[in-house]
Amino acid sequence: MKRKVSDIRESLILIGAIIMFVGLGSAILIYQTAGNDSDSVLGYEIIGGAAYPISPEDSRTYRRDLELYGGKAAVVTDDFSRWFVGLWHGKSLAFIVAGISIFMSFVFFFAANRLPCRLKSDVHSENNRE
């Protein structure tokens, strides 16, 4: 038995809405529960009355040694690697989850809007008497 196009369209819209609400709800929950990542802190630097943590990877000795042994490419690769790993922790993870859920829900909404209005077997006109 074939399903009607309207049933498929409604199903796709429902799936898109569920993905949107669950994804954005999860992103809000992740954002609210995310804490500060202060695992490996050497010390704190006070600038303008605010304290900023200093990690070992931010020290000049680490960067100088990294450039000495691996060159400029190692420094750039290390920066990129730490940036990419940082995307999957804390508040930035909430933005990633929100972005992915919005993208996926719009994919389902787009697919639902691209379905044909009616199937050829559903259309009965006066000219087509079979």
N, C-alpha and C. Protein backbone atom coordinates (compact mmCIF):
# COMPACT_ATOMS: atom_id res chain seq x y z
N MET A 1 0.84 -1.17 0.00
CA MET A 1 0.00 0.00 0.00
C MET A 1 0.89 1.24 0.00
N LYS A 2 0.58 2.16 -0.88
CA LYS A 2 1.37 3.38 -0.99
C LYS A 2 0.85 4.42 -0.01
N ARG A 3 1.82 5.16 0.55
CA ARG A 3 1.44 6.26 1.42
C ARG A 3 1.20 7.50 0.58
N LYS A 4 0.35 8.34 1.03
CA LYS A 4 0.07 9.58 0.32
C LYS A 4 1.20 10.57 0.56
N VAL A 5 1.36 11.48 -0.38
CA VAL A 5 2.41 12.49 -0.28
C VAL A 5 2.19 13.38 0.93
N SER A 6 0.94 13.69 1.23
CA SER A 6 0.66 14.55 2.38
C SER A 6 1.08 13.89 3.69
N ASP A 7 0.92 12.56 3.77
CA ASP A 7 1.35 11.84 4.97
C ASP A 7 2.87 11.90 5.13
N ILE A 8 3.58 11.73 4.02
CA ILE A 8 5.03 11.78 4.05
C ILE A 8 5.50 13.19 4.40
N ARG A 9 4.84 14.20 3.81
CA ARG A 9 5.19 15.58 4.09
C ARG A 9 4.99 15.91 5.57
N GLU A 10 3.86 15.49 6.12
CA GLU A 10 3.59 15.74 7.54
C GLU A 10 4.59 15.01 8.43
N SER A 11 4.98 13.81 8.03
CA SER A 11 5.96 13.05 8.81
C SER A 11 7.32 13.75 8.80
N LEU A 12 7.74 14.24 7.64
CA LEU A 12 9.01 14.94 7.56
C LEU A 12 9.02 16.23 8.36
N ILE A 13 7.91 16.95 8.33
CA ILE A 13 7.80 18.18 9.12
C ILE A 13 7.83 17.86 10.61
N LEU A 14 7.15 16.80 11.01
CA LEU A 14 7.15 16.39 12.42
C LEU A 14 8.55 15.98 12.87
N ILE A 15 9.25 15.21 12.04
CA ILE A 15 10.62 14.81 12.39
C ILE A 15 11.52 16.03 12.50
N GLY A 16 11.40 16.97 11.58
CA GLY A 16 12.19 18.19 11.63
C GLY A 16 11.92 19.00 12.89
N ALA A 17 10.65 19.09 13.28
CA ALA A 17 10.30 19.83 14.49
C ALA A 17 10.85 19.14 15.73
N ILE A 18 10.78 17.82 15.77
CA ILE A 18 11.30 17.08 16.92
C ILE A 18 12.81 17.28 17.03
N ILE A 19 13.51 17.20 15.89
CA ILE A 19 14.96 17.41 15.91
C ILE A 19 15.29 18.82 16.40
N MET A 20 14.52 19.80 15.94
CA MET A 20 14.77 21.18 16.35
C MET A 20 14.57 21.37 17.85
N PHE A 21 13.45 20.90 18.38
CA PHE A 21 13.17 21.10 19.80
C PHE A 21 14.11 20.32 20.70
N VAL A 22 14.38 19.07 20.37
CA VAL A 22 15.28 18.27 21.19
C VAL A 22 16.70 18.82 21.12
N GLY A 23 17.15 19.20 19.92
CA GLY A 23 18.50 19.73 19.76
C GLY A 23 18.70 21.05 20.48
N LEU A 24 17.75 21.96 20.33
CA LEU A 24 17.88 23.26 21.01
C LEU A 24 17.72 23.12 22.52
N GLY A 25 16.85 22.22 22.95
CA GLY A 25 16.73 21.97 24.39
C GLY A 25 18.01 21.39 24.96
N SER A 26 18.63 20.47 24.24
CA SER A 26 19.90 19.90 24.68
C SER A 26 20.99 20.96 24.70
N ALA A 27 21.00 21.82 23.70
CA ALA A 27 22.01 22.88 23.65
C ALA A 27 21.86 23.84 24.83
N ILE A 28 20.63 24.18 25.18
CA ILE A 28 20.40 25.05 26.33
C ILE A 28 20.86 24.38 27.61
N LEU A 29 20.55 23.10 27.75
CA LEU A 29 20.96 22.35 28.94
C LEU A 29 22.49 22.26 29.03
N ILE A 30 23.15 21.99 27.92
CA ILE A 30 24.61 21.93 27.91
C ILE A 30 25.21 23.29 28.25
N TYR A 31 24.65 24.34 27.71
CA TYR A 31 25.18 25.69 27.96
C TYR A 31 25.05 26.07 29.44
N GLN A 32 23.92 25.71 30.04
CA GLN A 32 23.71 26.09 31.44
C GLN A 32 24.57 25.27 32.40
N THR A 33 24.87 24.03 32.05
CA THR A 33 25.64 23.18 32.96
C THR A 33 27.13 23.20 32.67
N ALA A 34 27.57 23.87 31.61
CA ALA A 34 28.99 23.90 31.26
C ALA A 34 29.75 24.73 32.28
N GLY A 35 30.85 24.19 32.72
CA GLY A 35 31.69 24.90 33.68
C GLY A 35 32.96 25.39 33.01
N ASN A 36 33.79 26.02 33.79
CA ASN A 36 35.08 26.49 33.29
C ASN A 36 36.05 25.33 33.24
N ASP A 37 36.84 25.27 32.18
CA ASP A 37 37.84 24.23 32.05
C ASP A 37 39.17 24.74 32.60
N SER A 38 39.42 24.46 33.86
CA SER A 38 40.67 24.90 34.48
C SER A 38 41.41 23.68 35.02
N ASP A 39 41.65 22.70 34.13
CA ASP A 39 42.31 21.47 34.55
C ASP A 39 43.79 21.68 34.82
N SER A 40 44.48 22.19 33.85
CA SER A 40 45.93 22.34 33.98
C SER A 40 46.30 23.81 33.92
N VAL A 41 46.26 24.47 35.05
CA VAL A 41 46.55 25.89 35.12
C VAL A 41 47.87 26.08 35.86
N LEU A 42 48.81 26.78 35.19
CA LEU A 42 50.08 27.10 35.84
C LEU A 42 49.92 28.20 36.86
N GLY A 43 49.13 29.17 36.51
CA GLY A 43 48.92 30.31 37.38
C GLY A 43 47.87 31.22 36.77
N TYR A 44 47.78 32.41 37.32
CA TYR A 44 46.80 33.37 36.82
C TYR A 44 47.50 34.68 36.51
N GLU A 45 47.04 35.33 35.46
CA GLU A 45 47.56 36.64 35.08
C GLU A 45 46.44 37.64 35.31
N ILE A 46 46.75 38.70 36.04
CA ILE A 46 45.73 39.70 36.36
C ILE A 46 45.92 40.90 35.45
N ILE A 47 44.89 41.16 34.66
CA ILE A 47 44.91 42.28 33.73
C ILE A 47 43.63 43.09 33.95
N GLY A 48 43.79 44.33 34.34
CA GLY A 48 42.65 45.21 34.52
C GLY A 48 41.70 44.74 35.62
N GLY A 49 42.20 44.10 36.63
CA GLY A 49 41.37 43.63 37.74
C GLY A 49 40.70 42.29 37.50
N ALA A 50 40.90 41.67 36.35
CA ALA A 50 40.33 40.36 36.06
C ALA A 50 41.46 39.33 35.99
N ALA A 51 41.22 38.16 36.54
CA ALA A 51 42.22 37.09 36.55
C ALA A 51 41.98 36.15 35.38
N TYR A 52 43.04 35.91 34.61
CA TYR A 52 42.98 35.00 33.46
C TYR A 52 43.91 33.83 33.71
N PRO A 53 43.41 32.59 33.53
CA PRO A 53 44.28 31.43 33.77
C PRO A 53 45.34 31.28 32.68
N ILE A 54 46.51 30.80 33.08
CA ILE A 54 47.60 30.55 32.15
C ILE A 54 47.84 29.05 32.13
N SER A 55 47.65 28.43 30.97
CA SER A 55 47.89 27.00 30.84
C SER A 55 49.32 26.78 30.36
N PRO A 56 49.86 25.58 30.55
CA PRO A 56 51.24 25.32 30.12
C PRO A 56 51.45 25.51 28.62
N GLU A 57 50.39 25.25 27.82
CA GLU A 57 50.53 25.39 26.37
C GLU A 57 50.62 26.84 25.93
N ASP A 58 50.26 27.77 26.80
CA ASP A 58 50.30 29.19 26.44
C ASP A 58 51.63 29.84 26.83
N SER A 59 52.50 29.11 27.49
CA SER A 59 53.76 29.71 27.93
C SER A 59 54.70 29.89 26.74
N ARG A 60 55.59 30.85 26.89
CA ARG A 60 56.54 31.14 25.81
C ARG A 60 57.54 30.00 25.64
N THR A 61 57.90 29.35 26.73
CA THR A 61 58.86 28.25 26.63
C THR A 61 58.29 27.09 25.83
N TYR A 62 57.03 26.77 26.06
CA TYR A 62 56.39 25.68 25.33
C TYR A 62 56.35 25.99 23.84
N ARG A 63 55.96 27.20 23.50
CA ARG A 63 55.86 27.58 22.09
C ARG A 63 57.23 27.65 21.43
N ARG A 64 58.24 28.13 22.17
CA ARG A 64 59.59 28.19 21.63
C ARG A 64 60.14 26.79 21.39
N ASP A 65 59.94 25.89 22.36
CA ASP A 65 60.40 24.51 22.19
C ASP A 65 59.67 23.81 21.05
N LEU A 66 58.40 24.06 20.94
CA LEU A 66 57.62 23.46 19.86
C LEU A 66 58.11 23.94 18.50
N GLU A 67 58.41 25.23 18.40
CA GLU A 67 58.92 25.75 17.13
C GLU A 67 60.34 25.26 16.87
N LEU A 68 61.13 25.09 17.91
CA LEU A 68 62.50 24.61 17.76
C LEU A 68 62.52 23.19 17.21
N TYR A 69 61.65 22.32 17.72
CA TYR A 69 61.67 20.91 17.32
C TYR A 69 60.83 20.64 16.07
N GLY A 70 59.77 21.40 15.85
CA GLY A 70 58.88 21.09 14.73
C GLY A 70 58.72 22.18 13.71
N GLY A 71 59.24 23.36 13.98
CA GLY A 71 59.11 24.47 13.04
C GLY A 71 57.78 25.19 13.19
N LYS A 72 57.56 26.14 12.30
CA LYS A 72 56.32 26.94 12.33
C LYS A 72 55.08 26.07 12.08
N ALA A 73 55.24 25.03 11.27
CA ALA A 73 54.11 24.14 10.98
C ALA A 73 53.64 23.44 12.24
N ALA A 74 54.54 23.08 13.12
CA ALA A 74 54.15 22.42 14.38
C ALA A 74 53.37 23.37 15.27
N VAL A 75 53.76 24.64 15.28
CA VAL A 75 53.05 25.63 16.10
C VAL A 75 51.63 25.82 15.56
N VAL A 76 51.50 25.95 14.24
CA VAL A 76 50.18 26.14 13.62
C VAL A 76 49.32 24.89 13.83
N THR A 77 49.92 23.71 13.67
CA THR A 77 49.18 22.46 13.86
C THR A 77 48.73 22.32 15.30
N ASP A 78 49.58 22.68 16.24
CA ASP A 78 49.22 22.61 17.66
C ASP A 78 48.09 23.58 17.99
N ASP A 79 48.15 24.78 17.45
CA ASP A 79 47.07 25.76 17.67
C ASP A 79 45.75 25.25 17.11
N PHE A 80 45.79 24.72 15.88
CA PHE A 80 44.57 24.19 15.26
C PHE A 80 44.03 23.00 16.05
N SER A 81 44.89 22.12 16.48
CA SER A 81 44.46 20.94 17.23
C SER A 81 43.80 21.32 18.55
N ARG A 82 44.41 22.27 19.27
CA ARG A 82 43.79 22.70 20.54
C ARG A 82 42.48 23.44 20.32
N TRP A 83 42.37 24.20 19.22
CA TRP A 83 41.12 24.88 18.90
C TRP A 83 40.03 23.85 18.59
N PHE A 84 40.36 22.85 17.76
CA PHE A 84 39.36 21.85 17.36
C PHE A 84 38.91 21.00 18.54
N VAL A 85 39.83 20.62 19.41
CA VAL A 85 39.46 19.85 20.60
C VAL A 85 38.61 20.71 21.54
N GLY A 86 38.90 22.00 21.59
CA GLY A 86 38.13 22.90 22.45
C GLY A 86 36.69 23.09 22.00
N LEU A 87 36.40 22.80 20.73
CA LEU A 87 35.02 22.93 20.25
C LEU A 87 34.09 21.93 20.91
N TRP A 88 34.60 20.81 21.36
CA TRP A 88 33.77 19.73 21.87
C TRP A 88 33.70 19.73 23.39
N HIS A 89 33.97 20.87 24.03
CA HIS A 89 33.90 20.98 25.48
C HIS A 89 33.20 22.28 25.86
N GLY A 90 32.50 22.24 26.97
CA GLY A 90 31.94 23.45 27.55
C GLY A 90 30.86 24.11 26.72
N LYS A 91 30.89 25.44 26.76
CA LYS A 91 29.84 26.22 26.12
C LYS A 91 29.91 26.17 24.60
N SER A 92 31.09 25.96 24.05
CA SER A 92 31.19 25.88 22.59
C SER A 92 30.49 24.62 22.08
N LEU A 93 30.46 23.56 22.89
CA LEU A 93 29.72 22.35 22.51
C LEU A 93 28.23 22.65 22.36
N ALA A 94 27.71 23.52 23.22
CA ALA A 94 26.29 23.89 23.12
C ALA A 94 26.00 24.56 21.79
N PHE A 95 26.90 25.43 21.32
CA PHE A 95 26.69 26.09 20.04
C PHE A 95 26.81 25.09 18.88
N ILE A 96 27.70 24.12 19.00
CA ILE A 96 27.83 23.10 17.96
C ILE A 96 26.56 22.26 17.88
N VAL A 97 26.03 21.84 19.03
CA VAL A 97 24.80 21.04 19.06
C VAL A 97 23.62 21.84 18.49
N ALA A 98 23.53 23.11 18.86
CA ALA A 98 22.44 23.95 18.34
C ALA A 98 22.56 24.10 16.82
N GLY A 99 23.76 24.33 16.33
CA GLY A 99 23.95 24.49 14.89
C GLY A 99 23.61 23.24 14.11
N ILE A 100 24.06 22.08 14.62
CA ILE A 100 23.77 20.82 13.94
C ILE A 100 22.28 20.53 13.95
N SER A 101 21.61 20.78 15.07
CA SER A 101 20.17 20.49 15.13
C SER A 101 19.37 21.43 14.22
N ILE A 102 19.76 22.69 14.15
CA ILE A 102 19.08 23.62 13.24
C ILE A 102 19.30 23.20 11.79
N PHE A 103 20.53 22.83 11.44
CA PHE A 103 20.82 22.40 10.08
C PHE A 103 20.02 21.15 9.71
N MET A 104 20.00 20.15 10.60
CA MET A 104 19.29 18.91 10.30
C MET A 104 17.78 19.12 10.20
N SER A 105 17.23 19.97 11.05
CA SER A 105 15.79 20.22 10.97
C SER A 105 15.43 20.96 9.68
N PHE A 106 16.28 21.89 9.25
CA PHE A 106 16.01 22.57 7.99
C PHE A 106 16.15 21.63 6.80
N VAL A 107 17.01 20.63 6.90
CA VAL A 107 17.09 19.62 5.84
C VAL A 107 15.76 18.89 5.71
N PHE A 108 15.17 18.51 6.84
CA PHE A 108 13.87 17.82 6.80
C PHE A 108 12.76 18.75 6.32
N PHE A 109 12.77 20.02 6.74
CA PHE A 109 11.77 20.98 6.28
C PHE A 109 11.90 21.21 4.77
N PHE A 110 13.13 21.31 4.28
CA PHE A 110 13.37 21.50 2.86
C PHE A 110 12.89 20.30 2.06
N ALA A 111 13.18 19.10 2.57
CA ALA A 111 12.73 17.88 1.88
C ALA A 111 11.21 17.80 1.85
N ALA A 112 10.57 18.23 2.93
CA ALA A 112 9.10 18.20 2.98
C ALA A 112 8.50 19.19 1.98
N ASN A 113 9.14 20.33 1.82
CA ASN A 113 8.62 21.34 0.87
C ASN A 113 8.93 20.99 -0.57
N ARG A 114 9.90 20.12 -0.82
CA ARG A 114 10.27 19.75 -2.18
C ARG A 114 9.47 18.58 -2.72
N LEU A 115 8.66 17.94 -1.89
CA LEU A 115 7.84 16.84 -2.39
C LEU A 115 6.79 17.37 -3.35
N PRO A 116 6.44 16.57 -4.36
CA PRO A 116 5.40 17.04 -5.28
C PRO A 116 4.07 17.18 -4.55
N CYS A 117 3.24 18.08 -5.05
CA CYS A 117 1.96 18.33 -4.37
C CYS A 117 1.06 17.11 -4.39
N ARG A 118 0.97 16.44 -5.52
CA ARG A 118 0.10 15.26 -5.64
C ARG A 118 0.80 14.23 -6.50
N LEU A 119 0.48 13.01 -6.26
CA LEU A 119 0.95 11.95 -7.13
C LEU A 119 0.08 11.90 -8.38
N LYS A 120 0.60 11.37 -9.47
CA LYS A 120 -0.18 11.31 -10.70
C LYS A 120 -1.40 10.41 -10.55
N SER A 121 -1.30 9.39 -9.71
CA SER A 121 -2.43 8.49 -9.54
C SER A 121 -3.55 9.14 -8.73
N ASP A 122 -3.21 10.19 -7.95
CA ASP A 122 -4.22 10.87 -7.15
C ASP A 122 -5.02 11.89 -7.96
N VAL A 123 -4.48 12.31 -9.10
CA VAL A 123 -5.12 13.37 -9.88
C VAL A 123 -6.14 12.73 -10.82
N HIS A 124 -7.38 13.15 -10.67
CA HIS A 124 -8.44 12.69 -11.56
C HIS A 124 -9.07 13.92 -12.20
N SER A 125 -8.92 14.01 -13.49
CA SER A 125 -9.50 15.15 -14.19
C SER A 125 -10.52 14.64 -15.20
N GLU A 126 -11.23 15.57 -15.76
CA GLU A 126 -12.25 15.20 -16.73
C GLU A 126 -11.64 14.69 -18.04
N ASN A 127 -10.46 15.19 -18.36
CA ASN A 127 -9.80 14.79 -19.61
C ASN A 127 -9.18 13.41 -19.49
N ASN A 128 -8.86 13.00 -18.29
CA ASN A 128 -8.18 11.73 -18.08
C ASN A 128 -9.16 10.70 -17.53
N ARG A 129 -9.92 10.05 -18.43
CA ARG A 129 -10.91 9.07 -17.99
C ARG A 129 -10.42 7.69 -18.37
N GLU A 130 -9.81 7.05 -17.43
CA GLU A 130 -9.28 5.71 -17.72
C GLU A 130 -9.90 4.67 -16.84
